[in-house]
Amino acid sequence: MKTILIADDEKDIRMLVYITLEDPGYRIIETSDGKSALDMARKERPDLLVLDRMMPRMNGLEVADALQKDPFTADIPIIMLTAVREAGDIKLTTYRSILLYMLKPFNPLELRENVRAILE
């Protein structure tokens, strides 16, 4: 069974992502801030992290940086969900373990297809 960690400070977005990805082959865990996302990723070592860019305590890029610096978590793939539409911000993700940068509002079917492709 594959584990997916969803980290987003917006409860409705977390619920949408959870419902979108709900599958008997996935164990889905979730949190609402960056620091907790980092702690859970280190403890659970998920197969995929769906991470919001703007969160309290640590933003998504800070979480991605911290995970990448730790050999135990450096290879956890990340899908970044964000409302940030700055070109420079998207360019930054090329230097991290962020495989996909999806802008909010996102297409749930596209997210589901991308998650399946990453996890297979």
N, C-alpha and C. Protein backbone atom coordinates (compact mmCIF):
# COMPACT_ATOMS: atom_id res chain seq x y z
N MET A 1 0.84 -1.18 0.00
CA MET A 1 0.00 0.00 0.00
C MET A 1 0.88 1.24 0.00
N LYS A 2 0.56 2.20 -0.85
CA LYS A 2 1.31 3.45 -0.95
C LYS A 2 0.73 4.48 0.01
N THR A 3 1.60 5.25 0.65
CA THR A 3 1.18 6.29 1.57
C THR A 3 1.33 7.66 0.91
N ILE A 4 0.27 8.46 0.99
CA ILE A 4 0.26 9.82 0.46
C ILE A 4 0.01 10.77 1.62
N LEU A 5 0.87 11.77 1.75
CA LEU A 5 0.68 12.82 2.76
C LEU A 5 0.16 14.06 2.06
N ILE A 6 -0.98 14.55 2.52
CA ILE A 6 -1.56 15.79 2.02
C ILE A 6 -1.31 16.87 3.05
N ALA A 7 -0.70 17.98 2.64
CA ALA A 7 -0.43 19.09 3.55
C ALA A 7 -0.97 20.37 2.94
N ASP A 8 -2.03 20.89 3.52
CA ASP A 8 -2.65 22.14 3.05
C ASP A 8 -3.38 22.76 4.22
N ASP A 9 -3.25 24.07 4.38
CA ASP A 9 -3.90 24.73 5.51
C ASP A 9 -5.38 24.98 5.28
N GLU A 10 -5.85 24.78 4.05
CA GLU A 10 -7.28 24.95 3.76
C GLU A 10 -7.98 23.59 3.85
N LYS A 11 -8.87 23.48 4.82
CA LYS A 11 -9.57 22.21 5.06
C LYS A 11 -10.31 21.73 3.82
N ASP A 12 -10.97 22.64 3.10
CA ASP A 12 -11.73 22.24 1.92
C ASP A 12 -10.83 21.68 0.83
N ILE A 13 -9.63 22.24 0.67
CA ILE A 13 -8.69 21.72 -0.32
C ILE A 13 -8.19 20.35 0.10
N ARG A 14 -7.86 20.18 1.39
CA ARG A 14 -7.44 18.87 1.87
C ARG A 14 -8.51 17.82 1.61
N MET A 15 -9.76 18.18 1.87
CA MET A 15 -10.86 17.24 1.67
C MET A 15 -11.01 16.91 0.18
N LEU A 16 -10.90 17.91 -0.69
CA LEU A 16 -10.99 17.67 -2.13
C LEU A 16 -9.88 16.76 -2.61
N VAL A 17 -8.66 17.01 -2.16
CA VAL A 17 -7.53 16.16 -2.55
C VAL A 17 -7.73 14.75 -2.01
N TYR A 18 -8.17 14.63 -0.77
CA TYR A 18 -8.41 13.31 -0.15
C TYR A 18 -9.43 12.52 -0.96
N ILE A 19 -10.57 13.15 -1.26
CA ILE A 19 -11.63 12.48 -2.02
C ILE A 19 -11.14 12.12 -3.42
N THR A 20 -10.37 13.01 -4.03
CA THR A 20 -9.84 12.77 -5.37
C THR A 20 -8.91 11.56 -5.40
N LEU A 21 -8.10 11.41 -4.36
CA LEU A 21 -7.08 10.36 -4.35
C LEU A 21 -7.51 9.09 -3.62
N GLU A 22 -8.67 9.12 -2.98
CA GLU A 22 -9.12 7.96 -2.21
C GLU A 22 -9.15 6.72 -3.10
N ASP A 23 -8.44 5.69 -2.64
CA ASP A 23 -8.28 4.46 -3.42
C ASP A 23 -7.87 3.36 -2.45
N PRO A 24 -8.34 2.13 -2.66
CA PRO A 24 -7.96 1.04 -1.75
C PRO A 24 -6.45 0.79 -1.68
N GLY A 25 -5.72 1.21 -2.71
CA GLY A 25 -4.27 1.00 -2.72
C GLY A 25 -3.48 2.10 -2.06
N TYR A 26 -4.17 3.15 -1.59
CA TYR A 26 -3.48 4.28 -0.97
C TYR A 26 -3.89 4.44 0.48
N ARG A 27 -2.93 4.73 1.30
CA ARG A 27 -3.16 5.16 2.69
C ARG A 27 -2.91 6.66 2.68
N ILE A 28 -3.92 7.44 3.02
CA ILE A 28 -3.80 8.90 2.96
C ILE A 28 -3.79 9.47 4.37
N ILE A 29 -2.76 10.29 4.62
CA ILE A 29 -2.65 11.00 5.89
C ILE A 29 -2.61 12.48 5.57
N GLU A 30 -2.96 13.32 6.52
CA GLU A 30 -3.03 14.74 6.21
C GLU A 30 -2.65 15.61 7.40
N THR A 31 -2.27 16.84 7.05
CA THR A 31 -1.92 17.84 8.06
C THR A 31 -2.20 19.23 7.49
N SER A 32 -2.16 20.23 8.38
CA SER A 32 -2.59 21.57 7.97
C SER A 32 -1.51 22.65 8.03
N ASP A 33 -0.27 22.28 8.34
CA ASP A 33 0.78 23.30 8.34
C ASP A 33 2.12 22.69 7.94
N GLY A 34 3.04 23.54 7.57
CA GLY A 34 4.32 23.09 7.05
C GLY A 34 5.18 22.34 8.05
N LYS A 35 5.24 22.80 9.28
CA LYS A 35 6.06 22.14 10.29
C LYS A 35 5.56 20.72 10.55
N SER A 36 4.25 20.58 10.66
CA SER A 36 3.67 19.25 10.86
C SER A 36 3.90 18.36 9.64
N ALA A 37 3.84 18.96 8.44
CA ALA A 37 4.11 18.19 7.21
C ALA A 37 5.53 17.65 7.23
N LEU A 38 6.48 18.47 7.63
CA LEU A 38 7.87 18.04 7.71
C LEU A 38 8.03 16.91 8.75
N ASP A 39 7.44 17.10 9.92
CA ASP A 39 7.52 16.08 10.97
C ASP A 39 6.88 14.77 10.53
N MET A 40 5.70 14.85 9.90
CA MET A 40 5.01 13.64 9.45
C MET A 40 5.79 12.95 8.33
N ALA A 41 6.37 13.72 7.43
CA ALA A 41 7.15 13.14 6.33
C ALA A 41 8.36 12.39 6.88
N ARG A 42 8.99 12.95 7.88
CA ARG A 42 10.15 12.29 8.49
C ARG A 42 9.73 11.02 9.24
N LYS A 43 8.59 11.06 9.90
CA LYS A 43 8.12 9.91 10.68
C LYS A 43 7.53 8.82 9.78
N GLU A 44 6.67 9.20 8.85
CA GLU A 44 5.92 8.24 8.03
C GLU A 44 6.63 7.85 6.73
N ARG A 45 7.53 8.70 6.27
CA ARG A 45 8.22 8.53 4.99
C ARG A 45 7.25 8.12 3.89
N PRO A 46 6.33 9.05 3.52
CA PRO A 46 5.30 8.73 2.52
C PRO A 46 5.91 8.48 1.14
N ASP A 47 5.14 7.82 0.31
CA ASP A 47 5.56 7.57 -1.07
C ASP A 47 5.36 8.80 -1.94
N LEU A 48 4.52 9.73 -1.47
CA LEU A 48 4.24 10.97 -2.19
C LEU A 48 3.75 12.01 -1.20
N LEU A 49 4.14 13.25 -1.45
CA LEU A 49 3.68 14.38 -0.64
C LEU A 49 2.98 15.37 -1.56
N VAL A 50 1.70 15.65 -1.27
CA VAL A 50 0.94 16.68 -1.98
C VAL A 50 0.97 17.88 -1.05
N LEU A 51 1.69 18.92 -1.47
CA LEU A 51 2.09 20.00 -0.57
C LEU A 51 1.62 21.36 -1.06
N ASP A 52 0.97 22.10 -0.19
CA ASP A 52 0.56 23.47 -0.49
C ASP A 52 1.78 24.39 -0.40
N ARG A 53 1.84 25.40 -1.23
CA ARG A 53 2.96 26.34 -1.24
C ARG A 53 2.91 27.30 -0.06
N MET A 54 1.72 27.82 0.25
CA MET A 54 1.57 28.83 1.30
C MET A 54 0.85 28.21 2.50
N MET A 55 1.62 27.98 3.58
CA MET A 55 1.07 27.41 4.80
C MET A 55 1.70 28.09 6.01
N PRO A 56 1.04 28.01 7.16
CA PRO A 56 1.64 28.56 8.37
C PRO A 56 2.79 27.69 8.87
N ARG A 57 3.62 28.28 9.71
CA ARG A 57 4.77 27.67 10.40
C ARG A 57 5.94 27.38 9.48
N MET A 58 5.73 26.85 8.30
CA MET A 58 6.76 26.67 7.27
C MET A 58 6.00 26.64 5.94
N ASN A 59 6.54 27.32 4.93
CA ASN A 59 5.86 27.23 3.65
C ASN A 59 6.32 25.97 2.90
N GLY A 60 5.65 25.67 1.82
CA GLY A 60 5.92 24.44 1.09
C GLY A 60 7.34 24.34 0.55
N LEU A 61 7.91 25.45 0.12
CA LEU A 61 9.29 25.41 -0.39
C LEU A 61 10.28 25.14 0.74
N GLU A 62 10.00 25.68 1.92
CA GLU A 62 10.86 25.40 3.08
C GLU A 62 10.79 23.92 3.46
N VAL A 63 9.59 23.36 3.39
CA VAL A 63 9.43 21.93 3.68
C VAL A 63 10.20 21.10 2.66
N ALA A 64 10.04 21.44 1.38
CA ALA A 64 10.74 20.71 0.32
C ALA A 64 12.25 20.80 0.51
N ASP A 65 12.75 21.97 0.85
CA ASP A 65 14.19 22.15 1.09
C ASP A 65 14.67 21.27 2.24
N ALA A 66 13.93 21.29 3.35
CA ALA A 66 14.33 20.50 4.52
C ALA A 66 14.31 19.01 4.20
N LEU A 67 13.31 18.56 3.47
CA LEU A 67 13.24 17.14 3.11
C LEU A 67 14.40 16.76 2.20
N GLN A 68 14.73 17.63 1.27
CA GLN A 68 15.79 17.34 0.31
C GLN A 68 17.16 17.28 1.00
N LYS A 69 17.35 18.03 2.06
CA LYS A 69 18.64 18.04 2.76
C LYS A 69 18.85 16.82 3.65
N ASP A 70 17.77 16.09 3.92
CA ASP A 70 17.84 14.91 4.78
C ASP A 70 17.91 13.66 3.89
N PRO A 71 18.99 12.89 3.93
CA PRO A 71 19.12 11.71 3.07
C PRO A 71 17.97 10.71 3.23
N PHE A 72 17.35 10.66 4.40
CA PHE A 72 16.25 9.74 4.65
C PHE A 72 14.99 10.13 3.89
N THR A 73 14.81 11.43 3.61
CA THR A 73 13.58 11.91 2.97
C THR A 73 13.82 12.58 1.61
N ALA A 74 15.06 12.64 1.18
CA ALA A 74 15.40 13.40 -0.03
C ALA A 74 14.71 12.90 -1.29
N ASP A 75 14.36 11.64 -1.33
CA ASP A 75 13.77 11.11 -2.55
C ASP A 75 12.24 11.02 -2.51
N ILE A 76 11.61 11.63 -1.52
CA ILE A 76 10.14 11.66 -1.49
C ILE A 76 9.66 12.61 -2.59
N PRO A 77 8.89 12.09 -3.55
CA PRO A 77 8.38 12.97 -4.60
C PRO A 77 7.31 13.92 -4.07
N ILE A 78 7.28 15.12 -4.63
CA ILE A 78 6.35 16.15 -4.17
C ILE A 78 5.56 16.70 -5.34
N ILE A 79 4.25 16.84 -5.12
CA ILE A 79 3.39 17.62 -6.01
C ILE A 79 3.04 18.88 -5.24
N MET A 80 3.40 20.02 -5.79
CA MET A 80 3.11 21.31 -5.14
C MET A 80 1.80 21.86 -5.69
N LEU A 81 0.85 22.10 -4.79
CA LEU A 81 -0.41 22.75 -5.15
C LEU A 81 -0.34 24.18 -4.63
N THR A 82 -0.64 25.14 -5.50
CA THR A 82 -0.48 26.52 -5.07
C THR A 82 -1.31 27.50 -5.87
N ALA A 83 -1.60 28.61 -5.25
CA ALA A 83 -2.24 29.73 -5.93
C ALA A 83 -1.19 30.73 -6.39
N VAL A 84 0.08 30.53 -6.00
CA VAL A 84 1.17 31.42 -6.38
C VAL A 84 1.44 31.25 -7.87
N ARG A 85 1.36 32.35 -8.61
CA ARG A 85 1.52 32.29 -10.05
C ARG A 85 2.72 33.10 -10.54
N GLU A 86 3.74 33.19 -9.71
CA GLU A 86 4.92 33.95 -10.07
C GLU A 86 5.90 33.04 -10.81
N ALA A 87 6.37 33.48 -11.96
CA ALA A 87 7.27 32.66 -12.79
C ALA A 87 8.53 32.29 -12.01
N GLY A 88 9.08 33.19 -11.24
CA GLY A 88 10.29 32.91 -10.46
C GLY A 88 10.06 31.81 -9.44
N ASP A 89 8.87 31.76 -8.88
CA ASP A 89 8.54 30.74 -7.90
C ASP A 89 8.51 29.37 -8.55
N ILE A 90 7.94 29.28 -9.73
CA ILE A 90 7.90 28.01 -10.45
C ILE A 90 9.32 27.57 -10.81
N LYS A 91 10.18 28.50 -11.20
CA LYS A 91 11.57 28.17 -11.55
C LYS A 91 12.31 27.58 -10.35
N LEU A 92 12.02 28.08 -9.14
CA LEU A 92 12.68 27.56 -7.94
C LEU A 92 12.45 26.07 -7.76
N THR A 93 11.31 25.58 -8.19
CA THR A 93 10.99 24.18 -7.97
C THR A 93 11.88 23.24 -8.77
N THR A 94 12.55 23.74 -9.78
CA THR A 94 13.44 22.87 -10.55
C THR A 94 14.64 22.44 -9.72
N TYR A 95 14.88 23.08 -8.60
CA TYR A 95 16.02 22.76 -7.75
C TYR A 95 15.63 21.90 -6.55
N ARG A 96 14.41 21.39 -6.52
CA ARG A 96 13.92 20.61 -5.39
C ARG A 96 13.33 19.30 -5.88
N SER A 97 12.84 18.50 -4.97
CA SER A 97 12.24 17.21 -5.35
C SER A 97 10.79 17.36 -5.79
N ILE A 98 10.42 18.55 -6.20
CA ILE A 98 9.06 18.81 -6.66
C ILE A 98 8.94 18.35 -8.11
N LEU A 99 8.16 17.30 -8.31
CA LEU A 99 8.01 16.74 -9.65
C LEU A 99 6.98 17.47 -10.47
N LEU A 100 6.02 18.08 -9.79
CA LEU A 100 4.91 18.72 -10.49
C LEU A 100 4.45 19.93 -9.69
N TYR A 101 4.15 20.99 -10.40
CA TYR A 101 3.70 22.24 -9.82
C TYR A 101 2.31 22.50 -10.39
N MET A 102 1.25 22.31 -9.60
CA MET A 102 -0.13 22.49 -10.08
C MET A 102 -0.73 23.74 -9.46
N LEU A 103 -1.27 24.59 -10.32
CA LEU A 103 -1.87 25.83 -9.86
C LEU A 103 -3.31 25.61 -9.42
N LYS A 104 -3.69 26.29 -8.33
CA LYS A 104 -5.07 26.28 -7.85
C LYS A 104 -5.83 27.36 -8.61
N PRO A 105 -7.06 27.14 -8.99
CA PRO A 105 -7.79 25.88 -8.81
C PRO A 105 -7.22 24.82 -9.76
N PHE A 106 -7.14 23.60 -9.27
CA PHE A 106 -6.58 22.51 -10.06
C PHE A 106 -7.69 21.56 -10.52
N ASN A 107 -7.38 20.79 -11.53
CA ASN A 107 -8.31 19.80 -12.05
C ASN A 107 -8.11 18.51 -11.26
N PRO A 108 -9.12 18.06 -10.50
CA PRO A 108 -8.96 16.85 -9.69
C PRO A 108 -8.59 15.61 -10.52
N LEU A 109 -9.16 15.47 -11.70
CA LEU A 109 -8.84 14.31 -12.53
C LEU A 109 -7.38 14.34 -12.97
N GLU A 110 -6.88 15.53 -13.27
CA GLU A 110 -5.47 15.66 -13.65
C GLU A 110 -4.57 15.32 -12.47
N LEU A 111 -4.95 15.77 -11.27
CA LEU A 111 -4.18 15.43 -10.07
C LEU A 111 -4.15 13.92 -9.88
N ARG A 112 -5.29 13.28 -10.00
CA ARG A 112 -5.37 11.83 -9.80
C ARG A 112 -4.49 11.09 -10.81
N GLU A 113 -4.54 11.50 -12.07
CA GLU A 113 -3.71 10.87 -13.11
C GLU A 113 -2.24 11.06 -12.81
N ASN A 114 -1.85 12.25 -12.39
CA ASN A 114 -0.45 12.52 -12.08
C ASN A 114 0.03 11.71 -10.88
N VAL A 115 -0.81 11.58 -9.87
CA VAL A 115 -0.44 10.79 -8.69
C VAL A 115 -0.23 9.33 -9.10
N ARG A 116 -1.15 8.80 -9.88
CA ARG A 116 -1.00 7.41 -10.33
C ARG A 116 0.28 7.22 -11.12
N ALA A 117 0.58 8.17 -12.00
CA ALA A 117 1.81 8.05 -12.81
C ALA A 117 3.06 8.08 -11.93
N ILE A 118 3.06 8.91 -10.92
CA ILE A 118 4.23 9.01 -10.04
C ILE A 118 4.37 7.75 -9.18
N LEU A 119 3.27 7.22 -8.71
CA LEU A 119 3.32 6.09 -7.78
C LEU A 119 3.48 4.73 -8.47
N GLU A 120 3.28 4.67 -9.77
CA GLU A 120 3.41 3.38 -10.48
C GLU A 120 4.81 3.12 -10.95
